[in-house]
Structures are given as structure tokens and as C-alpha cells.
């Protein structure tokens, strides 16, 4: 019971962390590429955005992998890994031909989503724990959503340089808040 509750809280925090990081990277991909790599790399913008989604799903899935191993289901993790690999290869054979690099990324995203579902298929009471985790962290969720909305709003309303630095500050505050929340969750064990 305690492990299910802890899993739900950590899963929620990982979802929020992934959402915050992905949102920031997706919103500011073009300025970041221009600043770090130069304008000739801007054609990579959409690839980076979709790869960010894939990376976030991988991080979220990792929480489920650790949880399943902790409750004594390493065989389930192994089987899901084989299924994920099979789905990925099958989709690559179909999608890369028609969509190129994006087909590869879409294959990855779809295989992560299927794996997440399979790892959590016996969700039973975990869903109730997850709902309780949302209720207990509702203020955190609202703060992160407001900061993300402000980041989007600023990018569209003020000059890109000013908006980027203000957004970077808001992003840093979100990350710090999440780090302290993770720390607090760890102390509750």
C-alpha cells in the first residue's frame, strides 16, 4: 500500500517535471538552436520537439520499470521490453519509409506509450493513489500550469530576448520547486 502511494506521487512528479521541461524546450526550440548552433540548424527544430516528447515518455516509463521491479515483477518488465522493441522495429519498417526521420521518432513515441500502458495495465488501486496524489499536489499542478501559460504568453507578447530570460527564470523556479518536492517525497519514505 505504501509503495503504491509512493509510486503514484513519484509518477505525478515525473509527469510534471517532464511537462515543464518539454514545454520549455518546445516553446523555445528555435531561439535556443539559433543561439547555440546557428540559424543553419533551424531545420532540426521539429525533430528536436518530437524527440523531447519521446525523451519525456522514456523518463516517465522508467518510473514504472523501477516500480514493477520493486514489487517483484522483473519478468513483466523483460516481456514489456521485448514487446516495446518488437513494436518499435515493426513501426520503423512501416513509418520510416513514408515519414523518414519523423517515422523513427513516431515509432519511438508509440512504442513508449504502449509500454507504459502494459507496465500499468494492472492499475487497480494505483489509480486511486494517483488521484489522491493529484489532490494532495493540486497547488503544485496549478503553479506549474500558470508558469507554463505565462511562458507561452510572454513568448508571443514581448520581444524574444526579454521573454526568453523571464521564461528562463520561471522555468528555473519550476524546476527548483519540483526538486524540493522530490526531496520532500523522498523524506516521507
C-alpha atoms as a PDB file:
ATOM      1  CA  UNK A   1       0.000   0.000   0.000  1.00  0.00           C
ATOM      2  CA  UNK A   2       2.769   2.439   0.933  1.00  0.00           C
ATOM      3  CA  UNK A   3       4.684   1.540  -2.241  1.00  0.00           C
ATOM      4  CA  UNK A   4       1.589   2.178  -4.405  1.00  0.00           C
ATOM      5  CA  UNK A   5       1.121   5.570  -2.787  1.00  0.00           C
ATOM      6  CA  UNK A   6       4.793   6.435  -3.206  1.00  0.00           C
ATOM      7  CA  UNK A   7       4.725   5.254  -6.827  1.00  0.00           C
ATOM      8  CA  UNK A   8       1.726   7.468  -7.564  1.00  0.00           C
ATOM      9  CA  UNK A   9       3.366  10.540  -6.020  1.00  0.00           C
ATOM     10  CA  UNK A  10       6.654   9.985  -7.857  1.00  0.00           C
ATOM     11  CA  UNK A  11       4.842   9.260 -11.129  1.00  0.00           C
ATOM     12  CA  UNK A  12       2.910  12.517 -10.775  1.00  0.00           C
ATOM     13  CA  UNK A  13       6.099  14.445 -10.059  1.00  0.00           C
ATOM     14  CA  UNK A  14       7.839  12.848 -13.062  1.00  0.00           C
ATOM     15  CA  UNK A  15       4.858  13.732 -15.258  1.00  0.00           C
ATOM     16  CA  UNK A  16       5.034  17.339 -14.052  1.00  0.00           C
ATOM     17  CA  UNK A  17       8.813  17.516 -14.449  1.00  0.00           C
ATOM     18  CA  UNK A  18       8.557  16.111 -17.979  1.00  0.00           C
ATOM     19  CA  UNK A  19       5.737  18.517 -18.806  1.00  0.00           C
ATOM     20  CA  UNK A  20       7.687  21.551 -17.553  1.00  0.00           C
ATOM     21  CA  UNK A  21      10.917  20.599 -19.300  1.00  0.00           C
ATOM     22  CA  UNK A  22       9.217  19.567 -22.538  1.00  0.00           C
ATOM     23  CA  UNK A  23       7.091  22.713 -22.612  1.00  0.00           C
ATOM     24  CA  UNK A  24      10.101  24.968 -22.169  1.00  0.00           C
ATOM     25  CA  UNK A  25      12.161  23.169 -24.820  1.00  0.00           C
ATOM     26  CA  UNK A  26       9.262  23.047 -27.288  1.00  0.00           C
ATOM     27  CA  UNK A  27       8.403  26.727 -26.775  1.00  0.00           C
ATOM     28  CA  UNK A  28      11.996  27.935 -27.139  1.00  0.00           C
ATOM     29  CA  UNK A  29      13.491  25.426 -29.580  1.00  0.00           C
ATOM     30  CA  UNK A  30      14.065  27.955 -32.376  1.00  0.00           C
ATOM     31  CA  UNK A  31      15.764  30.660 -30.269  1.00  0.00           C
ATOM     32  CA  UNK A  32      17.879  28.047 -28.489  1.00  0.00           C
ATOM     33  CA  UNK A  33      19.014  26.457 -31.756  1.00  0.00           C
ATOM     34  CA  UNK A  34      19.828  29.878 -33.207  1.00  0.00           C
ATOM     35  CA  UNK A  35      21.770  30.888 -30.104  1.00  0.00           C
ATOM     36  CA  UNK A  36      23.733  27.651 -29.647  1.00  0.00           C
ATOM     37  CA  UNK A  37      24.051  26.147 -33.120  1.00  0.00           C
ATOM     38  CA  UNK A  38      23.257  28.968 -35.537  1.00  0.00           C
ATOM     39  CA  UNK A  39      20.432  29.583 -37.986  1.00  0.00           C
ATOM     40  CA  UNK A  40      21.527  26.869 -40.418  1.00  0.00           C
ATOM     41  CA  UNK A  41      20.330  24.266 -37.876  1.00  0.00           C
ATOM     42  CA  UNK A  42      16.755  25.620 -37.638  1.00  0.00           C
ATOM     43  CA  UNK A  43      15.513  22.840 -39.915  1.00  0.00           C
ATOM     44  CA  UNK A  44      16.087  20.486 -36.930  1.00  0.00           C
ATOM     45  CA  UNK A  45      13.525  22.362 -34.822  1.00  0.00           C
ATOM     46  CA  UNK A  46      10.579  19.989 -35.300  1.00  0.00           C
ATOM     47  CA  UNK A  47      12.772  16.926 -34.860  1.00  0.00           C
ATOM     48  CA  UNK A  48      14.029  18.250 -31.514  1.00  0.00           C
ATOM     49  CA  UNK A  49      10.459  18.984 -30.373  1.00  0.00           C
ATOM     50  CA  UNK A  50       9.262  15.464 -31.108  1.00  0.00           C
ATOM     51  CA  UNK A  51      12.416  13.933 -29.633  1.00  0.00           C
ATOM     52  CA  UNK A  52      11.693  15.888 -26.438  1.00  0.00           C
ATOM     53  CA  UNK A  53       8.287  14.216 -26.241  1.00  0.00           C
ATOM     54  CA  UNK A  54       9.909  10.819 -26.775  1.00  0.00           C
ATOM     55  CA  UNK A  55      12.521  11.506 -24.085  1.00  0.00           C
ATOM     56  CA  UNK A  56       9.844  12.590 -21.622  1.00  0.00           C
ATOM     57  CA  UNK A  57       7.885   9.398 -22.210  1.00  0.00           C
ATOM     58  CA  UNK A  58      11.072   7.383 -21.638  1.00  0.00           C
ATOM     59  CA  UNK A  59      11.655   9.134 -18.300  1.00  0.00           C
ATOM     60  CA  UNK A  60       8.060   8.536 -17.234  1.00  0.00           C
ATOM     61  CA  UNK A  61       8.267   4.882 -18.290  1.00  0.00           C
ATOM     62  CA  UNK A  62      11.424   4.427 -16.233  1.00  0.00           C
ATOM     63  CA  UNK A  63       9.418   5.120 -13.055  1.00  0.00           C
ATOM     64  CA  UNK A  64       7.061   2.283 -13.999  1.00  0.00           C
ATOM     65  CA  UNK A  65      10.001  -0.033 -14.731  1.00  0.00           C
ATOM     66  CA  UNK A  66      11.543   0.610 -11.310  1.00  0.00           C
ATOM     67  CA  UNK A  67       8.177   0.168  -9.587  1.00  0.00           C
ATOM     68  CA  UNK A  68       7.475  -3.158 -11.302  1.00  0.00           C
ATOM     69  CA  UNK A  69      10.919  -4.437 -10.360  1.00  0.00           C
ATOM     70  CA  UNK A  70      10.423  -3.260  -6.776  1.00  0.00           C
ATOM     71  CA  UNK A  71       7.172  -5.232  -6.436  1.00  0.00           C
ATOM     72  CA  UNK A  72       8.879  -8.371  -7.736  1.00  0.00           C
ATOM     73  CA  UNK A  73       7.838  -8.360 -11.385  1.00  0.00           C
ATOM     74  CA  UNK A  74      11.134  -8.322 -13.310  1.00  0.00           C
ATOM     75  CA  UNK A  75       9.708 -10.870 -15.787  1.00  0.00           C
ATOM     76  CA  UNK A  76       6.911  -8.443 -16.668  1.00  0.00           C
ATOM     77  CA  UNK A  77       9.499  -5.707 -17.278  1.00  0.00           C
ATOM     78  CA  UNK A  78      11.516  -8.029 -19.529  1.00  0.00           C
ATOM     79  CA  UNK A  79       8.459  -9.072 -21.537  1.00  0.00           C
ATOM     80  CA  UNK A  80       7.342  -5.452 -21.947  1.00  0.00           C
ATOM     81  CA  UNK A  81      10.865  -4.556 -23.100  1.00  0.00           C
ATOM     82  CA  UNK A  82      10.706  -7.259 -25.788  1.00  0.00           C
ATOM     83  CA  UNK A  83       7.246  -6.081 -26.862  1.00  0.00           C
ATOM     84  CA  UNK A  84       8.481  -2.473 -26.977  1.00  0.00           C
ATOM     85  CA  UNK A  85      11.433  -3.470 -29.161  1.00  0.00           C
ATOM     86  CA  UNK A  86       9.192  -5.500 -31.462  1.00  0.00           C
ATOM     87  CA  UNK A  87       6.663  -2.676 -31.816  1.00  0.00           C
ATOM     88  CA  UNK A  88       9.445  -0.169 -32.427  1.00  0.00           C
ATOM     89  CA  UNK A  89      11.077  -2.267 -35.162  1.00  0.00           C
ATOM     90  CA  UNK A  90       7.742  -3.069 -36.812  1.00  0.00           C
ATOM     91  CA  UNK A  91       6.667   0.600 -36.833  1.00  0.00           C
ATOM     92  CA  UNK A  92      10.082   1.711 -38.097  1.00  0.00           C
ATOM     93  CA  UNK A  93       9.767  -0.634 -41.061  1.00  0.00           C
ATOM     94  CA  UNK A  94       6.441   0.982 -41.911  1.00  0.00           C
ATOM     95  CA  UNK A  95       6.879   4.626 -40.894  1.00  0.00           C
ATOM     96  CA  UNK A  96      10.498   5.378 -41.808  1.00  0.00           C
ATOM     97  CA  UNK A  97       9.785   4.627 -45.439  1.00  0.00           C
ATOM     98  CA  UNK A  98       6.929   7.130 -45.591  1.00  0.00           C
ATOM     99  CA  UNK A  99       7.966   9.727 -42.973  1.00  0.00           C
ATOM    100  CA  UNK A 100      11.771   9.478 -42.804  1.00  0.00           C
ATOM    101  CA  UNK A 101      13.292  10.700 -39.541  1.00  0.00           C
ATOM    102  CA  UNK A 102       9.863  11.559 -38.155  1.00  0.00           C
ATOM    103  CA  UNK A 103       8.789   7.955 -38.732  1.00  0.00           C
ATOM    104  CA  UNK A 104      11.627   6.855 -36.486  1.00  0.00           C
ATOM    105  CA  UNK A 105      10.604   9.323 -33.779  1.00  0.00           C
ATOM    106  CA  UNK A 106       6.890   8.442 -34.084  1.00  0.00           C
ATOM    107  CA  UNK A 107       7.807   4.758 -33.783  1.00  0.00           C
ATOM    108  CA  UNK A 108       9.677   5.541 -30.584  1.00  0.00           C
ATOM    109  CA  UNK A 109       6.804   7.598 -29.129  1.00  0.00           C
ATOM    110  CA  UNK A 110       4.200   4.932 -29.945  1.00  0.00           C
ATOM    111  CA  UNK A 111       6.352   2.121 -28.519  1.00  0.00           C
ATOM    112  CA  UNK A 112       6.834   4.096 -25.267  1.00  0.00           C
ATOM    113  CA  UNK A 113       3.090   4.716 -24.944  1.00  0.00           C
ATOM    114  CA  UNK A 114       2.329   1.010 -25.485  1.00  0.00           C
ATOM    115  CA  UNK A 115       4.999   0.048 -22.933  1.00  0.00           C
ATOM    116  CA  UNK A 116       3.624   2.500 -20.372  1.00  0.00           C
ATOM    117  CA  UNK A 117       0.180   1.001 -20.830  1.00  0.00           C
ATOM    118  CA  UNK A 118       1.489  -2.565 -20.495  1.00  0.00           C
ATOM    119  CA  UNK A 119       3.531  -1.752 -17.394  1.00  0.00           C
ATOM    120  CA  UNK A 120       0.497  -0.177 -15.739  1.00  0.00           C
ATOM    121  CA  UNK A 121      -2.224  -2.466 -17.104  1.00  0.00           C
ATOM    122  CA  UNK A 122      -2.985  -3.806 -13.628  1.00  0.00           C
ATOM    123  CA  UNK A 123      -3.577  -0.311 -12.351  1.00  0.00           C
ATOM    124  CA  UNK A 124      -6.235  -1.337  -9.792  1.00  0.00           C
ATOM    125  CA  UNK A 125      -5.705   0.780  -6.698  1.00  0.00           C
ATOM    126  CA  UNK A 126      -2.769   2.710  -8.186  1.00  0.00           C
ATOM    127  CA  UNK A 127      -5.331   4.864  -9.982  1.00  0.00           C
ATOM    128  CA  UNK A 128      -6.908   5.840  -6.657  1.00  0.00           C
ATOM    129  CA  UNK A 129      -3.471   6.593  -5.227  1.00  0.00           C
ATOM    130  CA  UNK A 130      -2.721   8.679  -8.320  1.00  0.00           C
ATOM    131  CA  UNK A 131      -5.968  10.672  -7.865  1.00  0.00           C
ATOM    132  CA  UNK A 132      -5.030  11.260  -4.215  1.00  0.00           C
ATOM    133  CA  UNK A 133      -1.557  12.382  -5.287  1.00  0.00           C
ATOM    134  CA  UNK A 134      -3.174  14.883  -7.665  1.00  0.00           C
ATOM    135  CA  UNK A 135      -5.447  16.159  -4.890  1.00  0.00           C
ATOM    136  CA  UNK A 136      -2.517  16.475  -2.461  1.00  0.00           C
ATOM    137  CA  UNK A 137      -0.364  18.294  -5.025  1.00  0.00           C
ATOM    138  CA  UNK A 138      -3.085  20.379  -6.660  1.00  0.00           C
ATOM    139  CA  UNK A 139      -1.382  23.686  -5.782  1.00  0.00           C
ATOM    140  CA  UNK A 140       1.842  22.470  -7.376  1.00  0.00           C
ATOM    141  CA  UNK A 141      -0.007  21.489 -10.546  1.00  0.00           C
ATOM    142  CA  UNK A 142      -1.765  24.859 -10.741  1.00  0.00           C
ATOM    143  CA  UNK A 143       1.509  26.766 -10.191  1.00  0.00           C
ATOM    144  CA  UNK A 144       3.282  24.787 -12.921  1.00  0.00           C
ATOM    145  CA  UNK A 145       0.403  25.288 -15.356  1.00  0.00           C
ATOM    146  CA  UNK A 146       0.276  29.028 -14.655  1.00  0.00           C
ATOM    147  CA  UNK A 147       4.044  29.382 -15.129  1.00  0.00           C
ATOM    148  CA  UNK A 148       3.873  27.414 -18.379  1.00  0.00           C
ATOM    149  CA  UNK A 149       0.958  29.541 -19.605  1.00  0.00           C
ATOM    150  CA  UNK A 150       2.900  32.714 -18.715  1.00  0.00           C
ATOM    151  CA  UNK A 151       5.888  31.386 -20.649  1.00  0.00           C
ATOM    152  CA  UNK A 152       3.737  30.856 -23.749  1.00  0.00           C
ATOM    153  CA  UNK A 153       2.056  34.232 -23.315  1.00  0.00           C
ATOM    154  CA  UNK A 154       5.359  36.085 -22.919  1.00  0.00           C
ATOM    155  CA  UNK A 155       6.868  34.467 -25.990  1.00  0.00           C
ATOM    156  CA  UNK A 156       4.011  35.832 -28.074  1.00  0.00           C
ATOM    157  CA  UNK A 157       3.648  39.260 -26.478  1.00  0.00           C
ATOM    158  CA  UNK A 158       7.113  40.689 -25.847  1.00  0.00           C
ATOM    159  CA  UNK A 159      10.444  40.625 -27.614  1.00  0.00           C
ATOM    160  CA  UNK A 160      12.055  37.213 -27.770  1.00  0.00           C
ATOM    161  CA  UNK A 161      15.167  38.143 -25.744  1.00  0.00           C
ATOM    162  CA  UNK A 162      13.229  39.603 -22.801  1.00  0.00           C
ATOM    163  CA  UNK A 163      10.650  36.825 -22.909  1.00  0.00           C
ATOM    164  CA  UNK A 164      13.374  34.178 -23.004  1.00  0.00           C
ATOM    165  CA  UNK A 165      15.115  35.480 -19.880  1.00  0.00           C
ATOM    166  CA  UNK A 166      11.865  35.895 -17.962  1.00  0.00           C
ATOM    167  CA  UNK A 167      10.777  32.424 -19.072  1.00  0.00           C
ATOM    168  CA  UNK A 168      14.151  31.012 -18.101  1.00  0.00           C
ATOM    169  CA  UNK A 169      13.631  32.466 -14.618  1.00  0.00           C
ATOM    170  CA  UNK A 170      10.112  30.977 -14.402  1.00  0.00           C
ATOM    171  CA  UNK A 171      11.425  27.647 -15.684  1.00  0.00           C
ATOM    172  CA  UNK A 172      14.191  27.691 -13.046  1.00  0.00           C
ATOM    173  CA  UNK A 173      11.633  28.399 -10.329  1.00  0.00           C
ATOM    174  CA  UNK A 174       9.504  25.484 -11.520  1.00  0.00           C
ATOM    175  CA  UNK A 175      12.476  23.125 -11.529  1.00  0.00           C
ATOM    176  CA  UNK A 176      13.567  24.248  -8.051  1.00  0.00           C
ATOM    177  CA  UNK A 177      10.038  23.757  -6.745  1.00  0.00           C
ATOM    178  CA  UNK A 178       9.919  20.277  -8.246  1.00  0.00           C
ATOM    179  CA  UNK A 179      13.343  19.407  -6.807  1.00  0.00           C
ATOM    180  CA  UNK A 180      12.227  20.430  -3.320  1.00  0.00           C
ATOM    181  CA  UNK A 181       9.010  18.454  -3.799  1.00  0.00           C
ATOM    182  CA  UNK A 182      11.008  15.385  -4.889  1.00  0.00           C
ATOM    183  CA  UNK A 183      13.218  15.826  -1.830  1.00  0.00           C
ATOM    184  CA  UNK A 184      10.172  16.082   0.413  1.00  0.00           C
ATOM    185  CA  UNK A 185       8.680  12.935  -1.173  1.00  0.00           C
ATOM    186  CA  UNK A 186      11.935  11.071  -0.512  1.00  0.00           C
ATOM    187  CA  UNK A 187      11.898  12.090   3.145  1.00  0.00           C
ATOM    188  CA  UNK A 188       8.385  10.650   3.549  1.00  0.00           C
ATOM    189  CA  UNK A 189       9.513   7.091   2.806  1.00  0.00           C
END
